[in-house]
Amino acid sequence: MALGTWLLVIGLCDLLRAARDTTTGVRRGLIAALAVVLLVLAGVLVGIDGSEWIGLGAAWIVGALLWLLGSSAALTDRQDAQVAVVARVVAFLGLAVGIVVSVLGGGVIESYGAPASILEGTLLGQIGLDHLVLVLGVVAIQLSTANIAIRLVLDSVGVPASAGEKQLKGGRMLGPMERLLILGLGIAGSLTAATIVVAAKGLLRFPELQRGSAEGGASDVTEYFLIGSFASWLIALGGVGLVGLSTASGGGWAMYFD
């Protein structure tokens, strides 16, 4: 529940800058403030008390702020290499803090009382609110947060995303669609079918990869494709793994795909 909640808030906030690398200070502040409000509201709904806010609640907020502000700074301040490096470290540190603390401290959260009672007797109620929140959080991450994380990875290894995006204009849309397809197939228990997506993408890009090799080495587009694609697939598979672990530990909706 804790991890799903945090991921959902991060994903929703990142959707507000889905098509923007460069963001103004005002926009960053508004998005960060929204994240804090949503996390506090979520904490109230699940009944986090004062002592728990010192641990889990504070880590939620700190992790969210580090990711949102750090990633925004890393993408906006590309002209200053040192600032960009520090900002990327801060951003990924924020992700790590939010995920690790949510996993380790999630035991203090039991359920969203009122929403859970409303869902009783419905299909969503049978699935379980814990699983539903986690899946919504994982889906939200695939839509925009993953794109931002991949661009940070590309920048960190010296392959600017902007160079590849000029030739792969639909990347910001195709990436989430690809990840959602892999995630959906994985949740449905057909992860093997997801390999078709990977194979198809490789075949479509093979002529460019082969041309780059023939010209004496990997081009920027080749590196962009390889690093970006593997990072994208790992994020999608990570989401499948999180949902799978939750389903295995709590029953979840595995019954619907038997």
C-alpha atoms as a PDB file:
ATOM      1  CA  MET A   1       0.000   0.000   0.000  1.00  0.00           C
ATOM      2  CA  ALA A   2       2.738   2.494   0.980  1.00  0.00           C
ATOM      3  CA  LEU A   3       4.797   1.880  -2.153  1.00  0.00           C
ATOM      4  CA  GLY A   4       1.769   2.036  -4.432  1.00  0.00           C
ATOM      5  CA  THR A   5       0.665   5.302  -2.851  1.00  0.00           C
ATOM      6  CA  TRP A   6       4.061   6.931  -3.249  1.00  0.00           C
ATOM      7  CA  LEU A   7       4.496   5.770  -6.827  1.00  0.00           C
ATOM      8  CA  LEU A   8       1.005   6.978  -7.726  1.00  0.00           C
ATOM      9  CA  VAL A   9       1.675  10.467  -6.377  1.00  0.00           C
ATOM     10  CA  ILE A  10       5.038  10.667  -8.158  1.00  0.00           C
ATOM     11  CA  GLY A  11       3.516   9.438 -11.413  1.00  0.00           C
ATOM     12  CA  LEU A  12       0.641  11.931 -11.270  1.00  0.00           C
ATOM     13  CA  CYS A  13       2.989  14.842 -10.553  1.00  0.00           C
ATOM     14  CA  ASP A  14       5.346  13.821 -13.358  1.00  0.00           C
ATOM     15  CA  LEU A  15       2.400  13.764 -15.777  1.00  0.00           C
ATOM     16  CA  LEU A  16       2.126  17.526 -15.261  1.00  0.00           C
ATOM     17  CA  ARG A  17       5.507  17.915 -16.960  1.00  0.00           C
ATOM     18  CA  ALA A  18       5.189  15.011 -19.395  1.00  0.00           C
ATOM     19  CA  ALA A  19       6.120  17.059 -22.443  1.00  0.00           C
ATOM     20  CA  ARG A  20       8.398  19.564 -20.716  1.00  0.00           C
ATOM     21  CA  ASP A  21      12.092  19.153 -20.032  1.00  0.00           C
ATOM     22  CA  THR A  22      12.670  22.777 -19.153  1.00  0.00           C
ATOM     23  CA  THR A  23      10.414  23.928 -16.338  1.00  0.00           C
ATOM     24  CA  THR A  24      10.237  27.284 -14.614  1.00  0.00           C
ATOM     25  CA  GLY A  25      10.935  27.670 -10.930  1.00  0.00           C
ATOM     26  CA  VAL A  26       7.281  28.500 -10.332  1.00  0.00           C
ATOM     27  CA  ARG A  27       6.122  25.346 -12.088  1.00  0.00           C
ATOM     28  CA  ARG A  28       8.587  23.216 -10.129  1.00  0.00           C
ATOM     29  CA  GLY A  29       7.362  24.741  -6.887  1.00  0.00           C
ATOM     30  CA  LEU A  30       3.711  24.125  -7.756  1.00  0.00           C
ATOM     31  CA  ILE A  31       4.350  20.493  -8.695  1.00  0.00           C
ATOM     32  CA  ALA A  32       6.386  19.936  -5.524  1.00  0.00           C
ATOM     33  CA  ALA A  33       3.652  21.543  -3.415  1.00  0.00           C
ATOM     34  CA  LEU A  34       1.050  19.317  -5.070  1.00  0.00           C
ATOM     35  CA  ALA A  35       3.127  16.242  -4.228  1.00  0.00           C
ATOM     36  CA  VAL A  36       3.340  17.266  -0.569  1.00  0.00           C
ATOM     37  CA  VAL A  37      -0.419  17.904  -0.389  1.00  0.00           C
ATOM     38  CA  LEU A  38      -1.253  14.561  -2.006  1.00  0.00           C
ATOM     39  CA  LEU A  39       1.125  12.647   0.265  1.00  0.00           C
ATOM     40  CA  VAL A  40      -0.238  14.348   3.386  1.00  0.00           C
ATOM     41  CA  LEU A  41      -3.794  13.603   2.242  1.00  0.00           C
ATOM     42  CA  ALA A  42      -2.860   9.969   1.606  1.00  0.00           C
ATOM     43  CA  GLY A  43      -1.268   9.763   5.038  1.00  0.00           C
ATOM     44  CA  VAL A  44      -4.421  11.087   6.661  1.00  0.00           C
ATOM     45  CA  LEU A  45      -6.593   8.603   4.772  1.00  0.00           C
ATOM     46  CA  VAL A  46      -4.517   5.637   5.925  1.00  0.00           C
ATOM     47  CA  GLY A  47      -4.322   6.892   9.490  1.00  0.00           C
ATOM     48  CA  ILE A  48      -0.607   7.654   9.840  1.00  0.00           C
ATOM     49  CA  ASP A  49      -0.141   9.134  13.322  1.00  0.00           C
ATOM     50  CA  GLY A  50       2.412  11.621  14.609  1.00  0.00           C
ATOM     51  CA  SER A  51       5.244   9.192  15.298  1.00  0.00           C
ATOM     52  CA  GLU A  52       4.818   7.476  11.946  1.00  0.00           C
ATOM     53  CA  TRP A  53       5.001  10.820  10.147  1.00  0.00           C
ATOM     54  CA  ILE A  54       8.477  11.305  11.565  1.00  0.00           C
ATOM     55  CA  GLY A  55       9.595   8.175   9.710  1.00  0.00           C
ATOM     56  CA  LEU A  56       7.458   7.094   6.770  1.00  0.00           C
ATOM     57  CA  GLY A  57       5.647  10.383   6.158  1.00  0.00           C
ATOM     58  CA  ALA A  58       8.809  12.479   6.201  1.00  0.00           C
ATOM     59  CA  ALA A  59      10.635  10.013   3.937  1.00  0.00           C
ATOM     60  CA  TRP A  60       7.706  10.076   1.494  1.00  0.00           C
ATOM     61  CA  ILE A  61       7.893  13.851   1.236  1.00  0.00           C
ATOM     62  CA  VAL A  62      11.696  14.079   1.141  1.00  0.00           C
ATOM     63  CA  GLY A  63      11.944  11.373  -1.525  1.00  0.00           C
ATOM     64  CA  ALA A  64       9.274  13.035  -3.646  1.00  0.00           C
ATOM     65  CA  LEU A  65      10.878  16.478  -3.416  1.00  0.00           C
ATOM     66  CA  LEU A  66      14.352  15.149  -4.200  1.00  0.00           C
ATOM     67  CA  TRP A  67      13.062  13.345  -7.295  1.00  0.00           C
ATOM     68  CA  LEU A  68      10.786  16.094  -8.617  1.00  0.00           C
ATOM     69  CA  LEU A  69      13.151  19.002  -8.032  1.00  0.00           C
ATOM     70  CA  GLY A  70      16.345  17.091  -8.813  1.00  0.00           C
ATOM     71  CA  SER A  71      15.119  15.650 -12.101  1.00  0.00           C
ATOM     72  CA  SER A  72      13.697  19.023 -13.161  1.00  0.00           C
ATOM     73  CA  ALA A  73      17.002  20.725 -12.433  1.00  0.00           C
ATOM     74  CA  ALA A  74      18.972  18.012 -14.247  1.00  0.00           C
ATOM     75  CA  LEU A  75      16.916  18.389 -17.404  1.00  0.00           C
ATOM     76  CA  THR A  76      16.713  22.178 -17.269  1.00  0.00           C
ATOM     77  CA  ASP A  77      20.331  22.993 -16.392  1.00  0.00           C
ATOM     78  CA  ARG A  78      22.043  20.937 -19.060  1.00  0.00           C
ATOM     79  CA  GLN A  79      24.390  23.809 -19.889  1.00  0.00           C
ATOM     80  CA  ASP A  80      26.099  23.380 -16.501  1.00  0.00           C
ATOM     81  CA  ALA A  81      27.568  19.865 -16.425  1.00  0.00           C
ATOM     82  CA  GLN A  82      28.394  19.882 -12.710  1.00  0.00           C
ATOM     83  CA  VAL A  83      24.923  21.063 -11.732  1.00  0.00           C
ATOM     84  CA  ALA A  84      23.362  18.429 -13.982  1.00  0.00           C
ATOM     85  CA  VAL A  85      25.439  15.626 -12.443  1.00  0.00           C
ATOM     86  CA  VAL A  86      24.552  16.632  -8.882  1.00  0.00           C
ATOM     87  CA  ALA A  87      20.893  17.047  -9.838  1.00  0.00           C
ATOM     88  CA  ARG A  88      20.779  13.563 -11.384  1.00  0.00           C
ATOM     89  CA  VAL A  89      22.288  12.041  -8.252  1.00  0.00           C
ATOM     90  CA  VAL A  90      19.751  13.886  -6.109  1.00  0.00           C
ATOM     91  CA  ALA A  91      16.894  12.738  -8.348  1.00  0.00           C
ATOM     92  CA  PHE A  92      17.802   9.046  -8.275  1.00  0.00           C
ATOM     93  CA  LEU A  93      18.511   9.298  -4.539  1.00  0.00           C
ATOM     94  CA  GLY A  94      14.980  10.584  -4.114  1.00  0.00           C
ATOM     95  CA  LEU A  95      13.567   7.627  -6.009  1.00  0.00           C
ATOM     96  CA  ALA A  96      15.628   5.225  -3.911  1.00  0.00           C
ATOM     97  CA  VAL A  97      14.556   6.853  -0.642  1.00  0.00           C
ATOM     98  CA  GLY A  98      10.877   6.774  -1.566  1.00  0.00           C
ATOM     99  CA  ILE A  99      10.903   3.168  -2.746  1.00  0.00           C
ATOM    100  CA  VAL A 100      13.101   1.698   0.000  1.00  0.00           C
ATOM    101  CA  VAL A 101      11.337   3.464   2.872  1.00  0.00           C
ATOM    102  CA  SER A 102       7.905   2.618   1.445  1.00  0.00           C
ATOM    103  CA  VAL A 103       8.858  -1.056   1.244  1.00  0.00           C
ATOM    104  CA  LEU A 104      10.508  -1.215   4.676  1.00  0.00           C
ATOM    105  CA  GLY A 105       8.031   1.023   6.488  1.00  0.00           C
ATOM    106  CA  GLY A 106       4.875   0.078   4.645  1.00  0.00           C
ATOM    107  CA  GLY A 107       3.784  -2.194   7.480  1.00  0.00           C
ATOM    108  CA  VAL A 108       2.376   0.792   9.374  1.00  0.00           C
ATOM    109  CA  ILE A 109      -0.266   1.218   6.658  1.00  0.00           C
ATOM    110  CA  GLU A 110      -3.180  -1.161   6.695  1.00  0.00           C
ATOM    111  CA  SER A 111      -5.739   0.205   4.249  1.00  0.00           C
ATOM    112  CA  TYR A 112      -7.661   3.224   3.042  1.00  0.00           C
ATOM    113  CA  GLY A 113     -10.621   2.743   5.368  1.00  0.00           C
ATOM    114  CA  ALA A 114     -13.460   4.664   3.698  1.00  0.00           C
ATOM    115  CA  PRO A 115     -12.531   3.897   0.054  1.00  0.00           C
ATOM    116  CA  ALA A 116     -12.045   0.232   0.917  1.00  0.00           C
ATOM    117  CA  SER A 117     -15.486  -0.014   2.471  1.00  0.00           C
ATOM    118  CA  ILE A 118     -17.085   1.609  -0.577  1.00  0.00           C
ATOM    119  CA  LEU A 119     -15.516  -1.023  -2.837  1.00  0.00           C
ATOM    120  CA  GLU A 120     -16.789  -3.946  -0.759  1.00  0.00           C
ATOM    121  CA  GLY A 121     -18.893  -6.325  -2.821  1.00  0.00           C
ATOM    122  CA  THR A 122     -17.527  -5.019  -6.138  1.00  0.00           C
ATOM    123  CA  LEU A 123     -14.970  -6.554  -8.471  1.00  0.00           C
ATOM    124  CA  LEU A 124     -12.399  -3.998  -7.327  1.00  0.00           C
ATOM    125  CA  GLY A 125     -13.169  -4.931  -3.748  1.00  0.00           C
ATOM    126  CA  GLN A 126     -12.459  -8.581  -4.515  1.00  0.00           C
ATOM    127  CA  ILE A 127      -9.177  -7.657  -6.119  1.00  0.00           C
ATOM    128  CA  GLY A 128      -8.149  -5.738  -3.028  1.00  0.00           C
ATOM    129  CA  LEU A 129      -7.450  -2.047  -2.592  1.00  0.00           C
ATOM    130  CA  ASP A 130      -3.785  -2.694  -1.760  1.00  0.00           C
ATOM    131  CA  HIS A 131      -3.218  -4.368  -5.124  1.00  0.00           C
ATOM    132  CA  LEU A 132      -5.282  -1.779  -6.971  1.00  0.00           C
ATOM    133  CA  VAL A 133      -3.280   1.145  -5.548  1.00  0.00           C
ATOM    134  CA  LEU A 134      -0.001  -0.598  -6.334  1.00  0.00           C
ATOM    135  CA  VAL A 135      -1.004  -1.292  -9.928  1.00  0.00           C
ATOM    136  CA  LEU A 136      -2.244   2.272 -10.406  1.00  0.00           C
ATOM    137  CA  GLY A 137       1.067   3.525  -9.043  1.00  0.00           C
ATOM    138  CA  VAL A 138       3.070   1.229 -11.311  1.00  0.00           C
ATOM    139  CA  VAL A 139       0.983   2.292 -14.333  1.00  0.00           C
ATOM    140  CA  ALA A 140       1.422   5.977 -13.481  1.00  0.00           C
ATOM    141  CA  ILE A 141       5.192   5.519 -13.318  1.00  0.00           C
ATOM    142  CA  GLN A 142       5.226   3.977 -16.807  1.00  0.00           C
ATOM    143  CA  LEU A 143       3.454   6.982 -18.337  1.00  0.00           C
ATOM    144  CA  SER A 144       5.863   9.810 -17.596  1.00  0.00           C
ATOM    145  CA  THR A 145       8.263   9.120 -14.714  1.00  0.00           C
ATOM    146  CA  ALA A 146       9.931   6.365 -16.730  1.00  0.00           C
ATOM    147  CA  ASN A 147      10.519   8.758 -19.643  1.00  0.00           C
ATOM    148  CA  ILE A 148      12.178  11.251 -17.310  1.00  0.00           C
ATOM    149  CA  ALA A 149      14.322   8.580 -15.663  1.00  0.00           C
ATOM    150  CA  ILE A 150      15.436   7.259 -19.060  1.00  0.00           C
ATOM    151  CA  ARG A 151      16.421  10.749 -20.230  1.00  0.00           C
ATOM    152  CA  LEU A 152      18.478  11.165 -17.057  1.00  0.00           C
ATOM    153  CA  VAL A 153      20.190   7.826 -17.695  1.00  0.00           C
ATOM    154  CA  LEU A 154      20.960   8.814 -21.286  1.00  0.00           C
ATOM    155  CA  ASP A 155      22.405  12.133 -20.157  1.00  0.00           C
ATOM    156  CA  SER A 156      24.489  10.429 -17.483  1.00  0.00           C
ATOM    157  CA  VAL A 157      26.222   8.183 -20.031  1.00  0.00           C
ATOM    158  CA  GLY A 158      26.781  11.012 -22.488  1.00  0.00           C
ATOM    159  CA  VAL A 159      24.040  10.216 -24.989  1.00  0.00           C
ATOM    160  CA  PRO A 160      21.767  13.276 -24.965  1.00  0.00           C
ATOM    161  CA  ALA A 161      18.149  12.294 -25.403  1.00  0.00           C
ATOM    162  CA  SER A 162      17.481  15.333 -27.553  1.00  0.00           C
ATOM    163  CA  ALA A 163      19.716  13.963 -30.315  1.00  0.00           C
ATOM    164  CA  GLY A 164      17.767  10.730 -30.563  1.00  0.00           C
ATOM    165  CA  GLU A 165      14.380  12.350 -30.105  1.00  0.00           C
ATOM    166  CA  LYS A 166      14.890  14.368 -33.263  1.00  0.00           C
ATOM    167  CA  GLN A 167      14.859  11.122 -35.223  1.00  0.00           C
ATOM    168  CA  LEU A 168      12.437   9.243 -32.952  1.00  0.00           C
ATOM    169  CA  LYS A 169       9.756  11.917 -32.558  1.00  0.00           C
ATOM    170  CA  GLY A 170       7.170   9.513 -31.198  1.00  0.00           C
ATOM    171  CA  GLY A 171       9.443   8.196 -28.464  1.00  0.00           C
ATOM    172  CA  ARG A 172       7.628   9.972 -25.666  1.00  0.00           C
ATOM    173  CA  MET A 173       4.403   8.278 -26.716  1.00  0.00           C
ATOM    174  CA  LEU A 174       5.745   4.941 -27.965  1.00  0.00           C
ATOM    175  CA  GLY A 175       7.786   4.333 -24.809  1.00  0.00           C
ATOM    176  CA  PRO A 176       4.804   4.439 -22.419  1.00  0.00           C
ATOM    177  CA  MET A 177       2.679   2.399 -24.848  1.00  0.00           C
ATOM    178  CA  GLU A 178       5.392  -0.239 -25.058  1.00  0.00           C
ATOM    179  CA  ARG A 179       5.855  -0.374 -21.285  1.00  0.00           C
ATOM    180  CA  LEU A 180       2.110  -0.589 -20.655  1.00  0.00           C
ATOM    181  CA  LEU A 181       1.833  -3.456 -23.126  1.00  0.00           C
ATOM    182  CA  ILE A 182       4.650  -5.349 -21.402  1.00  0.00           C
ATOM    183  CA  LEU A 183       3.126  -4.576 -17.998  1.00  0.00           C
ATOM    184  CA  GLY A 184      -0.321  -5.732 -19.073  1.00  0.00           C
ATOM    185  CA  LEU A 185       0.980  -8.957 -20.550  1.00  0.00           C
ATOM    186  CA  GLY A 186       3.039  -9.601 -17.436  1.00  0.00           C
ATOM    187  CA  ILE A 187       0.119  -9.045 -15.064  1.00  0.00           C
ATOM    188  CA  ALA A 188      -2.031 -11.324 -17.216  1.00  0.00           C
ATOM    189  CA  GLY A 189       0.573 -14.064 -16.851  1.00  0.00           C
ATOM    190  CA  SER A 190       1.700 -13.874 -20.483  1.00  0.00           C
ATOM    191  CA  LEU A 191       5.127 -12.361 -19.987  1.00  0.00           C
ATOM    192  CA  THR A 192       6.524 -14.591 -22.711  1.00  0.00           C
ATOM    193  CA  ALA A 193       4.296 -12.778 -25.179  1.00  0.00           C
ATOM    194  CA  ALA A 194       6.024  -9.537 -24.185  1.00  0.00           C
ATOM    195  CA  THR A 195       9.165 -10.819 -25.886  1.00  0.00           C
ATOM    196  CA  ILE A 196       7.329 -10.291 -29.170  1.00  0.00           C
ATOM    197  CA  VAL A 197       7.247  -6.562 -28.412  1.00  0.00           C
ATOM    198  CA  VAL A 198      10.979  -6.551 -27.731  1.00  0.00           C
ATOM    199  CA  ALA A 199      11.726  -8.578 -30.852  1.00  0.00           C
ATOM    200  CA  ALA A 200       9.496  -6.433 -33.046  1.00  0.00           C
ATOM    201  CA  LYS A 201      11.144  -3.239 -31.864  1.00  0.00           C
ATOM    202  CA  GLY A 202      14.583  -4.710 -32.495  1.00  0.00           C
ATOM    203  CA  LEU A 203      13.609  -5.751 -36.023  1.00  0.00           C
ATOM    204  CA  LEU A 204      12.197  -2.326 -36.821  1.00  0.00           C
ATOM    205  CA  ARG A 205      15.370  -0.590 -35.707  1.00  0.00           C
ATOM    206  CA  PHE A 206      17.798  -3.201 -37.076  1.00  0.00           C
ATOM    207  CA  PRO A 207      18.471  -1.388 -40.397  1.00  0.00           C
ATOM    208  CA  GLU A 208      19.622   1.747 -38.549  1.00  0.00           C
ATOM    209  CA  LEU A 209      21.720  -0.258 -36.104  1.00  0.00           C
ATOM    210  CA  GLN A 210      23.329  -2.172 -38.973  1.00  0.00           C
ATOM    211  CA  ARG A 211      23.994   1.034 -40.891  1.00  0.00           C
ATOM    212  CA  GLY A 212      25.714   2.567 -37.865  1.00  0.00           C
ATOM    213  CA  SER A 213      27.919  -0.499 -37.524  1.00  0.00           C
ATOM    214  CA  ALA A 214      28.829  -0.395 -41.208  1.00  0.00           C
ATOM    215  CA  GLU A 215      29.883   3.241 -40.875  1.00  0.00           C
ATOM    216  CA  GLY A 216      32.587   2.335 -38.385  1.00  0.00           C
ATOM    217  CA  GLY A 217      30.904   2.177 -35.025  1.00  0.00           C
ATOM    218  CA  ALA A 218      27.796   2.811 -33.074  1.00  0.00           C
ATOM    219  CA  SER A 219      26.110   6.126 -33.777  1.00  0.00           C
ATOM    220  CA  ASP A 220      24.334   8.330 -31.255  1.00  0.00           C
ATOM    221  CA  VAL A 221      21.027   6.926 -32.481  1.00  0.00           C
ATOM    222  CA  THR A 222      22.269   3.365 -31.940  1.00  0.00           C
ATOM    223  CA  GLU A 223      23.375   4.086 -28.379  1.00  0.00           C
ATOM    224  CA  TYR A 224      20.193   6.029 -27.744  1.00  0.00           C
ATOM    225  CA  PHE A 225      18.103   3.067 -28.907  1.00  0.00           C
ATOM    226  CA  LEU A 226      20.027   0.398 -27.015  1.00  0.00           C
ATOM    227  CA  ILE A 227      20.392   2.208 -23.694  1.00  0.00           C
ATOM    228  CA  GLY A 228      16.952   3.798 -23.828  1.00  0.00           C
ATOM    229  CA  SER A 229      15.209   0.564 -24.804  1.00  0.00           C
ATOM    230  CA  PHE A 230      16.884  -1.581 -22.174  1.00  0.00           C
ATOM    231  CA  ALA A 231      16.183   1.026 -19.491  1.00  0.00           C
ATOM    232  CA  SER A 232      12.547   1.192 -20.610  1.00  0.00           C
ATOM    233  CA  TRP A 233      12.157  -2.602 -20.577  1.00  0.00           C
ATOM    234  CA  LEU A 234      13.751  -2.862 -17.136  1.00  0.00           C
ATOM    235  CA  ILE A 235      11.311  -0.309 -15.722  1.00  0.00           C
ATOM    236  CA  ALA A 236       8.359  -2.187 -17.232  1.00  0.00           C
ATOM    237  CA  LEU A 237       9.639  -5.534 -15.959  1.00  0.00           C
ATOM    238  CA  GLY A 238      10.290  -3.986 -12.559  1.00  0.00           C
ATOM    239  CA  GLY A 239       6.635  -3.001 -12.458  1.00  0.00           C
ATOM    240  CA  VAL A 240       5.606  -6.537 -13.376  1.00  0.00           C
ATOM    241  CA  GLY A 241       7.829  -7.842 -10.590  1.00  0.00           C
ATOM    242  CA  LEU A 242       6.322  -5.513  -7.980  1.00  0.00           C
ATOM    243  CA  VAL A 243       2.774  -6.471  -8.929  1.00  0.00           C
ATOM    244  CA  GLY A 244       3.743 -10.141  -9.026  1.00  0.00           C
ATOM    245  CA  LEU A 245       5.258 -10.018  -5.543  1.00  0.00           C
ATOM    246  CA  SER A 246       2.197  -8.247  -4.184  1.00  0.00           C
ATOM    247  CA  THR A 247      -0.128 -10.759  -5.803  1.00  0.00           C
ATOM    248  CA  ALA A 248       1.872 -13.715  -4.518  1.00  0.00           C
ATOM    249  CA  SER A 249       1.938 -12.406  -0.968  1.00  0.00           C
ATOM    250  CA  GLY A 250      -1.657 -11.291  -0.768  1.00  0.00           C
ATOM    251  CA  GLY A 251      -3.644 -13.396  -3.207  1.00  0.00           C
ATOM    252  CA  GLY A 252      -4.536 -10.428  -5.356  1.00  0.00           C
ATOM    253  CA  TRP A 253      -6.146 -11.016  -8.724  1.00  0.00           C
ATOM    254  CA  ALA A 254      -4.188 -14.073  -9.806  1.00  0.00           C
ATOM    255  CA  MET A 255      -7.536 -15.919  -9.644  1.00  0.00           C
ATOM    256  CA  TYR A 256      -8.794 -13.937 -12.624  1.00  0.00           C
ATOM    257  CA  PHE A 257      -6.028 -15.170 -14.907  1.00  0.00           C
ATOM    258  CA  ASP A 258      -5.942 -18.859 -13.953  1.00  0.00           C
END
